[in-house]
Structure formats: C-alpha cells, structure tokens
Protein backbone atom coordinates (compact mmCIF):
# COMPACT_ATOMS: atom_id res chain seq x y z
CA MET A 1 28.13 -21.31 19.98
CA SER A 2 26.43 -17.99 20.65
CA LEU A 3 22.99 -16.49 20.81
CA VAL A 4 22.03 -13.95 18.16
CA ASN A 5 19.13 -11.59 18.79
CA ILE A 6 16.63 -11.25 15.93
CA THR A 7 14.95 -7.87 16.02
CA MET A 8 11.87 -6.48 14.32
CA PRO A 9 13.48 -4.86 11.25
CA LYS A 10 12.96 -1.31 10.09
CA LEU A 11 10.16 -1.59 7.54
CA GLY A 12 10.19 1.92 6.13
CA GLU A 13 9.89 5.51 7.19
CA GLY A 14 6.95 6.14 9.49
CA ILE A 15 6.36 2.49 10.42
CA MET A 16 6.89 2.29 14.18
CA GLU A 17 5.36 -1.11 14.93
CA ALA A 18 4.11 -4.31 13.33
CA THR A 19 1.64 -7.03 14.28
CA VAL A 20 2.81 -10.64 14.39
CA LEU A 21 0.48 -12.69 12.21
CA ARG A 22 2.09 -16.13 12.20
CA TRP A 23 5.39 -17.78 13.10
CA LEU A 24 6.75 -19.89 10.25
CA LYS A 25 9.44 -21.56 12.37
CA LYS A 26 9.24 -23.29 15.75
CA PRO A 27 11.76 -23.38 18.60
CA GLY A 28 14.32 -26.10 17.97
CA GLU A 29 14.09 -25.86 14.17
CA TRP A 30 17.15 -25.14 12.05
CA VAL A 31 17.02 -21.75 10.31
CA ASN A 32 19.12 -20.75 7.31
CA HIS A 33 20.19 -17.21 6.63
CA ASP A 34 17.31 -15.34 4.91
CA ASP A 35 14.76 -18.06 5.73
CA SER A 36 11.37 -16.53 6.52
CA LEU A 37 10.82 -16.60 10.28
CA LEU A 38 7.39 -15.04 10.62
CA GLU A 39 4.64 -13.12 8.86
CA ILE A 40 3.87 -9.60 10.05
CA ALA A 41 1.35 -6.91 9.24
CA THR A 42 2.03 -3.19 9.19
CA ASP A 43 -0.28 -0.29 8.50
CA LYS A 44 0.67 -0.67 4.84
CA VAL A 45 1.16 -4.27 3.77
CA ASP A 46 1.71 -7.78 5.08
CA SER A 47 5.18 -9.23 4.65
CA GLU A 48 7.62 -11.84 5.93
CA VAL A 49 10.63 -11.25 8.18
CA PRO A 50 13.78 -13.13 7.10
CA SER A 51 16.37 -14.49 9.48
CA THR A 52 19.59 -12.50 9.78
CA ALA A 53 21.50 -15.49 11.16
CA GLU A 54 21.92 -19.23 10.62
CA GLY A 55 21.42 -21.73 13.39
CA THR A 56 18.80 -23.26 15.69
CA LEU A 57 15.81 -21.16 16.71
CA GLU A 58 16.40 -21.06 20.45
CA GLU A 59 13.54 -18.87 21.66
CA ILE A 60 10.50 -16.96 20.40
CA LEU A 61 9.85 -13.82 22.44
CA CYS A 62 6.48 -12.69 21.12
CA ASN A 63 3.18 -14.33 20.30
CA GLU A 64 0.85 -14.13 17.34
CA ASN A 65 -1.28 -10.96 17.29
CA ASP A 66 1.26 -9.13 19.48
CA VAL A 67 2.09 -5.57 18.37
CA ILE A 68 5.87 -5.19 18.40
CA SER A 69 7.91 -1.98 18.17
CA ILE A 70 10.52 -1.71 15.45
CA GLY A 71 13.92 -2.68 16.88
CA SER A 72 12.52 -4.91 19.62
CA VAL A 73 13.97 -8.40 19.99
CA ILE A 74 11.50 -11.00 18.73
CA ALA A 75 13.57 -14.20 18.77
CA ARG A 76 17.00 -15.66 19.47
CA ILE A 77 19.00 -18.03 17.29
CA ARG A 78 21.89 -20.18 18.53
CA THR A 79 24.64 -20.12 15.93
CA LYS A 80 27.55 -22.52 15.50
CA ASP A 81 30.34 -19.99 15.05
CA ALA A 82 30.29 -16.78 17.03
CA SER A 83 32.93 -15.28 14.72
CA THR A 84 30.71 -15.48 11.65
CA GLU A 85 27.48 -14.31 13.26
CA PRO A 86 27.95 -11.34 15.57
CA ASN A 87 25.87 -11.27 18.73
CA ILE A 88 23.48 -8.42 18.13
CA PRO A 89 22.76 -6.55 21.36
CA ILE A 90 19.22 -6.16 22.52
CA ILE A 91 17.89 -2.95 21.05
CA PRO A 92 15.52 -1.05 23.33
CA SER A 93 12.03 -0.18 22.18
CA VAL A 94 11.78 2.87 19.98
CA GLN A 95 9.34 4.27 22.51
CA THR A 96 12.11 6.31 24.12
CA ASP A 97 12.56 9.88 25.18
CA THR A 98 14.94 10.38 22.24
CA TYR A 99 12.25 9.52 19.71
CA VAL A 100 9.60 11.65 21.38
CA GLN A 101 11.99 14.60 21.41
CA ALA A 102 12.91 13.94 17.76
CA THR A 103 9.27 14.00 16.77
CA ILE A 104 8.88 17.41 18.30
CA GLU A 105 12.13 19.07 17.23
CA LYS A 106 13.61 17.33 14.19
CA PRO A 107 11.69 17.71 10.89
CA GLN A 108 13.82 15.01 9.25
CA VAL A 109 12.37 12.49 11.70
CA ILE A 110 8.85 13.84 11.71
CA THR A 111 8.55 13.63 7.95
CA GLN A 112 7.95 9.88 8.29
CA GLU A 113 6.84 9.03 4.79
CA THR A 114 3.63 7.35 5.89
CA GLU A 115 1.83 7.73 2.64
CA THR A 116 2.10 4.56 1.31
CA GLY A 117 -0.51 2.11 1.98
CA VAL A 118 -3.94 2.84 1.71
CA PHE A 119 -4.38 4.65 2.33
CA VAL A 120 -2.07 4.29 4.54
CA PRO A 121 -1.10 4.85 7.79
CA TYR A 122 -0.16 8.09 8.98
CA GLN A 123 0.58 9.84 12.20
CA PRO A 124 -0.87 13.36 12.39
CA VAL A 125 1.66 15.89 13.58
CA GLN A 126 -0.32 19.07 13.50
CA HIS A 127 -1.60 18.58 17.04
CA GLU A 128 0.10 20.16 20.01
CA ILE A 129 2.00 17.29 21.60
CA PRO A 130 2.12 17.34 25.42
CA VAL A 131 5.53 17.75 27.00
CA ARG A 132 6.66 14.70 28.96
CA GLN A 133 6.68 15.27 32.69
CA SER A 134 9.54 14.08 34.84
CA ASN A 135 9.40 10.52 36.20
CA ALA A 136 6.64 9.66 33.71
CA ARG A 137 6.53 6.69 31.41
CA PHE A 138 7.86 6.97 27.87
CA TYR A 139 5.35 7.15 25.02
CA SER A 140 5.83 6.55 21.32
CA PRO A 141 5.18 9.41 18.87
CA LEU A 142 2.08 7.57 17.63
CA VAL A 143 0.64 7.27 21.13
CA MET A 144 1.46 10.91 21.84
CA ASN A 145 -0.30 12.09 18.69
CA ILE A 146 -3.40 9.98 19.28
CA ALA A 147 -3.56 11.24 22.86
CA ALA A 148 -3.22 14.85 21.72
CA SER A 149 -5.93 14.46 19.06
CA GLU A 150 -8.30 12.84 21.58
CA GLY A 151 -7.73 15.47 24.28
CA ILE A 152 -5.89 13.16 26.70
CA ASP A 153 -3.29 14.89 28.89
CA PHE A 154 -0.42 13.25 30.75
CA SER A 155 -2.34 12.86 33.99
CA GLU A 156 -4.94 10.73 32.22
CA LEU A 157 -2.40 8.99 30.00
CA ALA A 158 -0.38 7.95 33.04
CA ASN A 159 -3.37 6.04 34.44
CA ILE A 160 -3.84 3.88 31.34
CA PRO A 161 -2.56 0.32 31.90
CA GLY A 162 0.18 -0.58 29.43
CA THR A 163 0.97 -3.98 27.93
CA GLY A 164 4.17 -2.93 26.14
CA ASN A 165 7.76 -3.23 27.30
CA ASP A 166 8.17 -2.04 30.91
CA GLY A 167 4.45 -1.40 31.09
CA ARG A 168 4.48 1.19 28.33
CA VAL A 169 1.23 2.20 26.65
CA SER A 170 0.95 0.85 23.11
CA LYS A 171 -1.36 2.03 20.36
CA LYS A 172 -3.65 -0.93 21.09
CA ASP A 173 -3.82 -0.03 24.80
CA LEU A 174 -4.80 3.55 23.97
CA ILE A 175 -7.40 2.53 21.37
CA ASP A 176 -8.93 0.04 23.83
CA TYR A 177 -9.05 2.76 26.48
CA LEU A 178 -10.74 5.20 24.11
CA GLU A 179 -13.36 2.61 23.15
CA LYS A 180 -14.14 1.96 26.81
CA ARG A 181 -14.31 5.67 27.50
CA LYS A 182 -16.70 6.25 24.61
CA SER A 183 -18.91 3.37 25.74
CA GLY A 184 -19.25 5.00 29.15
CA SER A 185 -17.44 2.33 31.18
CA ILE A 186 -14.64 4.84 31.86
CA PRO A 187 -15.54 8.46 32.74
CA VAL A 188 -14.20 11.18 30.47
CA ASN A 189 -11.76 13.61 32.03
CA THR A 190 -13.93 16.72 31.96
CA SER A 191 -10.95 18.94 32.69
CA ILE A 192 -9.73 18.39 29.15
CA GLN A 193 -10.91 21.00 26.72
CA GLN A 194 -12.59 19.21 23.84
CA PRO A 195 -12.33 20.49 20.26
CA PRO A 196 -15.29 22.51 18.97
CA SER A 197 -18.24 20.60 17.62
CA LEU A 198 -18.38 20.05 13.88
CA ASN A 199 -22.13 19.43 13.86
CA GLN A 200 -23.92 20.16 10.61
CA PRO A 201 -26.70 22.76 10.53
CA ASN A 202 -30.03 21.62 12.00
CA GLN A 203 -28.25 18.80 13.87
CA PRO A 204 -28.44 18.58 17.67
CA ASN A 205 -25.40 19.97 19.48
CA LEU A 206 -24.22 16.86 21.33
CA ASP A 207 -21.84 17.25 24.24
CA LYS A 208 -18.92 14.89 23.63
CA ASN A 209 -18.93 13.98 27.34
CA ASN A 210 -22.41 12.49 26.93
CA GLN A 211 -22.19 11.32 23.33
CA GLN A 212 -22.16 7.55 22.74
CA ASP A 213 -20.11 6.08 19.95
CA VAL A 214 -22.38 5.20 17.04
CA SER A 215 -20.94 1.74 16.69
CA ALA A 216 -21.48 1.09 20.41
CA GLN A 217 -25.11 2.14 20.06
CA VAL A 218 -25.60 -0.21 17.14
CA MET A 219 -23.98 -3.11 18.97
CA SER A 220 -26.17 -2.50 22.03
CA GLU A 221 -29.38 -2.90 20.04
CA ASP A 222 -31.35 -6.11 20.21
CA PHE A 223 -31.01 -7.33 16.63
CA THR A 224 -33.15 -10.35 17.33
CA SER A 225 -36.19 -8.08 17.36
CA ALA A 226 -34.99 -5.50 14.83
CA GLY A 227 -35.79 -7.46 11.69
CA ASN A 228 -33.31 -8.91 9.21
CA SER A 229 -29.87 -7.59 10.13
CA GLU A 230 -26.33 -8.85 10.03
CA ILE A 231 -23.30 -7.68 11.98
CA ILE A 232 -20.09 -7.80 9.92
CA GLU A 233 -16.76 -7.42 11.66
CA MET A 234 -14.35 -5.13 9.83
CA ASP A 235 -11.12 -6.80 8.77
CA ARG A 236 -7.79 -5.29 9.80
CA MET A 237 -7.24 -3.32 6.60
CA ARG A 238 -10.75 -1.89 6.60
CA LYS A 239 -10.27 -0.70 10.18
CA MET A 240 -7.04 1.02 9.16
CA ILE A 241 -8.67 2.63 6.13
CA SER A 242 -11.51 3.89 8.32
CA GLU A 243 -9.08 5.32 10.84
CA HIS A 244 -6.79 6.97 8.31
CA MET A 245 -9.56 8.54 6.25
CA THR A 246 -11.27 9.93 9.35
CA ARG A 247 -8.00 11.41 10.58
CA SER A 248 -7.28 12.89 7.18
CA ILE A 249 -10.56 14.81 7.26
CA ALA A 250 -9.70 16.03 10.77
CA THR A 251 -6.18 17.03 9.71
CA SER A 252 -6.53 18.80 6.35
CA ALA A 253 -8.85 21.57 5.24
CA HIS A 254 -10.28 19.68 2.25
CA VAL A 255 -11.34 21.58 -0.85
CA THR A 256 -12.30 19.88 -4.13
CA SER A 257 -12.18 21.44 -7.59
CA PHE A 258 -13.65 19.94 -10.77
CA ALA A 259 -12.93 20.18 -14.48
CA GLU A 260 -13.93 18.38 -17.67
CA ALA A 261 -11.43 17.06 -20.21
CA ASP A 262 -11.84 16.15 -23.87
CA VAL A 263 -9.82 12.94 -24.12
CA THR A 264 -10.89 11.99 -27.66
CA ASN A 265 -7.34 11.97 -29.06
CA LEU A 266 -6.10 9.93 -26.13
CA VAL A 267 -8.87 7.33 -26.55
CA LYS A 268 -8.33 7.03 -30.29
CA TRP A 269 -4.57 6.71 -29.86
CA ARG A 270 -4.91 3.91 -27.35
CA GLU A 271 -7.41 2.04 -29.50
CA ARG A 272 -5.07 2.31 -32.46
CA ILE A 273 -1.87 1.06 -30.78
CA LYS A 274 -2.98 -1.23 -27.92
CA GLY A 275 -2.89 -4.43 -29.99
CA ALA A 276 0.56 -3.79 -31.43
CA PHE A 277 1.79 -2.53 -28.08
CA GLU A 278 0.83 -5.70 -26.25
CA LYS A 279 2.25 -7.90 -29.01
CA ARG A 280 5.54 -6.02 -29.04
CA GLU A 281 6.04 -5.30 -25.32
CA GLY A 282 4.04 -8.10 -23.71
CA GLU A 283 2.14 -5.52 -21.64
CA LYS A 284 -1.41 -4.20 -21.81
CA ILE A 285 -1.63 -0.44 -21.95
CA THR A 286 -4.36 1.19 -19.88
CA PHE A 287 -5.23 4.85 -19.40
CA THR A 288 -3.54 4.95 -15.98
CA PRO A 289 0.07 5.47 -17.15
CA ILE A 290 -1.12 8.23 -19.49
CA PHE A 291 -2.88 9.99 -16.62
CA ILE A 292 0.18 9.62 -14.40
CA GLU A 293 2.41 11.12 -17.09
CA ALA A 294 0.06 14.13 -17.26
CA ILE A 295 0.16 14.47 -13.46
CA THR A 296 3.97 14.56 -13.40
CA LYS A 297 3.99 17.30 -16.05
CA SER A 298 1.51 19.34 -13.99
CA ILE A 299 3.52 18.87 -10.78
CA LYS A 300 6.63 20.24 -12.48
CA GLU A 301 4.61 23.31 -13.41
CA PHE A 302 3.11 23.66 -9.90
CA PRO A 303 5.54 21.93 -7.48
CA LEU A 304 3.71 23.02 -4.31
CA LEU A 305 1.19 20.26 -4.97
CA ASN A 306 4.06 17.82 -4.33
CA SER A 307 4.61 18.67 -0.68
CA SER A 308 3.69 17.92 2.92
CA ILE A 309 2.97 20.02 6.01
CA ILE A 310 4.86 19.53 9.26
CA GLY A 311 3.48 21.87 11.88
CA ASP A 312 3.87 25.32 10.30
CA LYS A 313 6.57 24.15 7.87
CA ILE A 314 6.04 23.17 4.22
CA ILE A 315 8.19 20.25 3.08
CA LEU A 316 8.61 20.54 -0.68
CA LYS A 317 9.39 17.13 -2.20
CA LYS A 318 11.93 17.01 -4.99
CA ASP A 319 11.08 13.44 -6.02
CA ILE A 320 7.78 12.86 -7.81
CA ASN A 321 6.41 9.58 -6.50
CA ILE A 322 2.85 8.91 -7.62
CA GLY A 323 0.62 6.73 -5.45
CA MET A 324 -1.84 4.69 -7.51
CA ALA A 325 -5.01 3.69 -5.65
CA THR A 326 -5.68 0.02 -6.44
CA ALA A 327 -8.80 -1.98 -5.60
CA LEU A 328 -8.19 -5.38 -4.05
CA PRO A 329 -10.32 -8.49 -4.67
CA ASN A 330 -11.83 -8.21 -1.18
CA GLY A 331 -13.06 -4.67 -1.86
CA ASN A 332 -10.36 -2.90 0.14
CA LEU A 333 -8.00 -0.35 -1.32
CA ILE A 334 -4.22 0.01 -1.26
CA VAL A 335 -1.88 2.58 -2.78
CA PRO A 336 1.36 1.25 -4.30
CA VAL A 337 3.79 3.98 -5.31
CA ILE A 338 5.56 4.58 -8.62
CA LYS A 339 8.90 6.07 -7.63
CA ASN A 340 10.37 8.91 -9.75
CA ALA A 341 7.45 8.68 -12.15
CA ASP A 342 8.60 11.78 -14.01
CA GLN A 343 11.78 10.00 -15.08
CA LEU A 344 10.01 7.03 -16.69
CA SER A 345 9.05 6.70 -20.34
CA MET A 346 5.54 5.66 -21.33
CA LEU A 347 6.73 2.07 -21.59
CA GLY A 348 8.36 2.33 -18.18
CA LEU A 349 5.15 3.69 -16.66
CA VAL A 350 3.10 0.92 -18.25
CA LYS A 351 5.36 -1.76 -16.80
CA GLN A 352 5.39 -0.19 -13.34
CA VAL A 353 1.61 0.30 -13.28
CA ASN A 354 0.92 -3.28 -14.37
CA LYS A 355 3.50 -4.81 -12.03
CA LEU A 356 2.31 -2.94 -8.95
CA ALA A 357 -1.37 -3.55 -9.72
CA ASP A 358 -0.76 -7.30 -10.22
CA ASN A 359 1.31 -7.55 -7.04
CA ALA A 360 -1.33 -5.68 -5.06
CA ARG A 361 -4.14 -7.98 -6.20
CA SER A 362 -2.07 -11.12 -5.59
CA GLY A 363 -0.83 -10.00 -2.16
CA LYS A 364 2.81 -9.76 -3.24
CA LEU A 365 3.45 -6.10 -2.45
CA GLN A 366 6.44 -5.37 -0.22
CA PRO A 367 6.47 -2.58 2.39
CA ALA A 368 8.75 -0.49 0.17
CA ASP A 369 6.13 -0.59 -2.62
CA THR A 370 3.75 1.60 -0.61
CA GLN A 371 6.19 4.13 0.83
CA HIS A 372 7.38 7.64 -0.02
CA GLY A 373 4.39 8.65 -2.16
CA THR A 374 4.15 12.41 -2.74
CA PHE A 375 0.88 12.64 -4.72
CA THR A 376 -2.00 10.19 -5.15
CA PHE A 377 -4.08 9.32 -8.20
CA THR A 378 -7.31 7.31 -8.22
CA ASN A 379 -9.46 6.20 -11.15
CA ILE A 380 -13.03 6.05 -9.88
CA GLY A 381 -14.25 5.84 -13.48
CA THR A 382 -13.26 2.18 -13.42
CA PHE A 383 -16.35 1.56 -11.29
CA GLY A 384 -18.64 3.72 -13.42
CA SER A 385 -18.53 6.93 -11.37
CA LEU A 386 -18.59 10.19 -13.29
CA MET A 387 -16.83 12.20 -10.59
CA GLY A 388 -15.97 12.13 -6.91
CA THR A 389 -14.44 13.99 -3.98
CA PRO A 390 -11.42 11.91 -2.93
CA ILE A 391 -9.86 12.17 0.53
CA ILE A 392 -6.23 13.28 0.81
CA ASN A 393 -3.72 10.52 1.54
CA GLN A 394 -1.81 11.97 4.49
CA PRO A 395 0.70 13.50 4.79
CA GLN A 396 0.34 14.54 1.15
CA VAL A 397 -1.58 17.70 0.25
CA ALA A 398 -3.55 16.60 -2.82
CA VAL A 399 -5.25 13.64 -4.50
CA LEU A 400 -6.59 13.60 -8.06
CA ALA A 401 -9.47 11.47 -9.34
CA VAL A 402 -10.71 10.79 -12.86
CA GLY A 403 -14.21 9.64 -13.72
CA ALA A 404 -15.65 7.44 -16.43
CA ILE A 405 -15.03 8.41 -20.06
CA LYS A 406 -18.35 9.07 -21.81
CA LYS A 407 -19.31 10.09 -25.35
CA LYS A 408 -21.11 13.44 -25.33
CA PRO A 409 -22.21 16.10 -27.83
CA VAL A 410 -19.79 19.00 -27.39
CA VAL A 411 -19.56 22.47 -28.93
CA ILE A 412 -16.32 22.73 -30.92
CA GLU A 413 -14.94 26.21 -31.49
CA SER A 414 -12.89 26.91 -34.61
CA GLU A 415 -11.96 29.75 -36.93
CA LYS A 416 -14.79 28.69 -39.23
CA GLY A 417 -17.34 28.92 -36.42
CA ASP A 418 -18.88 26.70 -33.80
CA SER A 419 -20.04 23.16 -34.45
CA ILE A 420 -21.35 20.22 -32.45
CA ALA A 421 -19.45 16.95 -32.41
CA ILE A 422 -19.46 13.69 -30.49
CA ARG A 423 -16.41 13.64 -28.23
CA HIS A 424 -15.00 11.43 -25.46
CA MET A 425 -15.35 13.50 -22.29
CA MET A 426 -14.18 12.85 -18.74
CA PHE A 427 -14.64 14.70 -15.45
CA VAL A 428 -11.58 15.15 -13.25
CA SER A 429 -11.54 16.28 -9.64
CA MET A 430 -8.85 17.10 -7.15
CA SER A 431 -9.06 17.46 -3.38
CA TYR A 432 -6.32 19.56 -1.85
CA ASP A 433 -5.27 20.93 1.52
CA HIS A 434 -6.54 24.48 1.78
CA ARG A 435 -4.00 25.21 4.52
CA ILE A 436 -1.38 25.78 1.81
CA ILE A 437 -3.18 25.24 -1.52
CA ASP A 438 -5.65 27.99 -2.35
CA GLY A 439 -8.46 27.63 -4.85
CA GLY A 440 -6.55 29.54 -7.50
CA LEU A 441 -3.51 27.28 -7.38
CA GLY A 442 -5.63 24.14 -7.17
CA SER A 443 -7.65 25.21 -10.22
CA LYS A 444 -4.51 26.09 -12.18
CA PHE A 445 -3.02 22.68 -11.49
CA LEU A 446 -6.24 20.96 -12.58
CA ALA A 447 -6.30 23.09 -15.75
CA ALA A 448 -2.70 22.08 -16.51
CA PHE A 449 -3.63 18.41 -16.11
CA VAL A 450 -6.56 18.86 -18.50
CA ARG A 451 -4.34 20.62 -21.06
CA ALA A 452 -1.84 17.76 -20.92
CA LEU A 453 -4.62 15.27 -21.71
CA GLU A 454 -6.27 17.34 -24.43
CA SER A 455 -2.98 18.10 -26.17
CA PHE A 456 -2.00 14.42 -26.29
CA ASP A 457 -0.33 13.65 -29.62
CA ILE A 458 -2.53 11.16 -31.46
CA ASN A 459 0.47 10.27 -33.65
CA SER A 460 2.73 9.47 -30.69
CA SER A 461 4.84 6.34 -31.14
CA TYR A 462 5.05 5.75 -27.36
C-alpha cells in the first residue's frame, strides 16, 4: 500500500492555474485509473481531471472555488501495489524563482500560447517586470505582469496578504487588492508613476489617484430610488472576456483596415453544391471554411501576420492555426482553433469547423481545442452586422472579421465598357498590431484575402 500524489495537470501552454469547480469523488471512494476526479475551469475552457492512479481516494487537499497552480498536489490516492503505481513526489508550486526568471529571459517559456479561448486568456509581457528583491516572496509570472501593468512595485506587492502556498500572492489576491484600492478602502501608493492618461478630447483629466472605478460608483448608487434598474452579476467567462479585451487594447496599437469583396461566385457555388455535399459527406457546408481557406492563402503570402511579439522580439509562427470565434448559447464567445488549417482540404476544413462549433455550443471543448492559435477569424455578419472593428486576440497580431453578405448594384468593368449588375457584396475588416504591422502591409493582406474570395472557382468540385 502506498500513497500517490495527484497533481493539477499541465493543461496547455500559458495556463498557470485552474479553479476547482466541483469534486466528482469523495474521500473513501474507490477510484479507477482515468476516472474523472474533479471539474476545473481555466481561462479557456472547463474540463475534467482524470485520476492517474487506481485505489482509494485518501485525501482531498483543495476545496471548490480554490485557484490551484499547475503542478500542485490536489489529492492523494492509496494504491494496493506500490510497484505498479509509483509514488509521485509533491511538486512545488510553479510560482518559483525559476519560472519568474524564465519569463524574463527565456523566449521559449514566455511564448505561452495563450490565444486560445476567448478570447482567451493571456498574460501581457510587454511591461517592464520588476526584479525580485532578496528575501522577498516568490510571485508567479501572471502576478508579476498584473502588478507591472497596474504600477505596483515590490514594496507594495510585499504588503499584500497572500492565500496561496506559503502565503504567496495569487491572481485572486492581487485582483481583490486592486478592487479595494480602486474603491478607496486602500490608499494608492503615490510614489508609483502612473501611465499617462488616455482621456478622449473634451473629457475631464481625472487623476488616477482620485478616480473611482465606474463599477464601484454604480454599485454605490441607491437603485431603490433610481427607477427601474437591475444589477446583473457577470459570469466567470464574461469577466475573463472583459479582462482580456481590455488588456488587449492596452497592449497592442490597434489599427483597423476595411475592404469590400464581391463574393457572388462563392455564394452561387455554395448554393449549387450544398445539398449534394451534405448528402454525400454528411456535413453542412457554411461560408466559414471557405473564408478560412482564403485566410491561410493570404498568410502564406504575408507571413508576418502570423506572428507574436515578445518584448522587442517578433516570433514568426511556422504553423498556421486559425482561431474561429464562436458564439455560445449564453451569449459569450469562445475561440476554438483549427490546427494546421493550411494543410486541410475543403472537406477537412468543413469537418473541423462543424466539429469545433458543435463542441463549443455543447460544452464539450477540451483545453487543447483552444490553444496555439496564430490568427483569429470572426464572422460578425452572422448577427447582421455589415462591418466591425474586432479586438486582437493576444498574443496574436491580427484578427479578421467579415460582415453580412448583401445584394447591391455594382459597376462592372469589362473590355466592352462599364455596366451595372446586382452582385453579392461583403465588407471585410482586419484589426492589426501597428507595433509591427504597418498600414501598407495590413492593406496588402486584406487585398490578398479579397482576391482569394473574388477569384473563387465557381466550378470547383470541392
């Protein structure tokens, strides 16, 4: 008989912690190898953690709603035969000096492919990360980056109570501290130089030291005398989306370019073959796989759009993994990723698009399904929008959106002269990071995408 430690498994690049949602087994219960022990939530998706041993669940070391670092011991199982189930040593929290140093000095660690989930979680690395002082507590890369972006130095960070292992400050501890500081219950360290104000013209120049958080102001109002109002608590995913989108705007220099595409041939082709396609392949063909195929062709022509920025380094991605923004039944958004999209046929793209979309809407996505995206595509035309200005899914450098397809009178140029015809037209837009993508390159990429759509072979046999 021996005790085997069950640790929080590695759930993908860039995922440093997970929240315990629910334990599926109780102490004293028999657990088979690969039985689901608990449900967890990451910044990307919810999933179950399987047992790596067989035996009796001896002890549960964390509670529901606890935020646990990857590699931390979460339970212990008493096995029958020590020779068949090795006793896994307790793995220390990843919040160690080694990981902090790796985040600063080793690009292969910093690259943390955090682009998967909706918009999914990411840890900004462009900020100057404070150097750890001697005899100070250890801090995870995520905590260090949040502290740097919020103007918190080590002297202030050291005074924040921690609920993690050995009293370490977790992401939740830091977020709680920031909320209290914004509400005025904790004074702001005025010695910290705050970033310049981004106030719009004709807006009052508010000093951050005196500025109240908007949400705190709203919550402090007396709604009983303010007419018909309702306070709705954000769910976990909506909070993450809010956080990630706000940080993306603060991280990248967003620029958006627009173009209009004549997709008449594409529309007619789909109408002609969709019935036979579904009957033959058992899959419905939408416009999404066609758009993704055009994106992969454009990326091969302009590969810089398939990259990330780490500090002052550009990480050019060789794999073309297209994130596909998918609306969930509850109104939230998630981005499953089609890996190596450029290597798939049209049929392969159709199957991947349909499978990932179905899994997303039914809650069956796995963490790996939202990881390693290198470029994101979103179809806002599905909801009737003509065009939009999408926000970059960090740490990528571009996101492309297509609007609704509408019939319009268009001037057609030919050798015989100009004429007016009714055509299926669609606006496309792309937001890109102006730190490395200039307007010329962004416009050329968008033009290449439009050409790929307009030159679609109406006689294609898919």
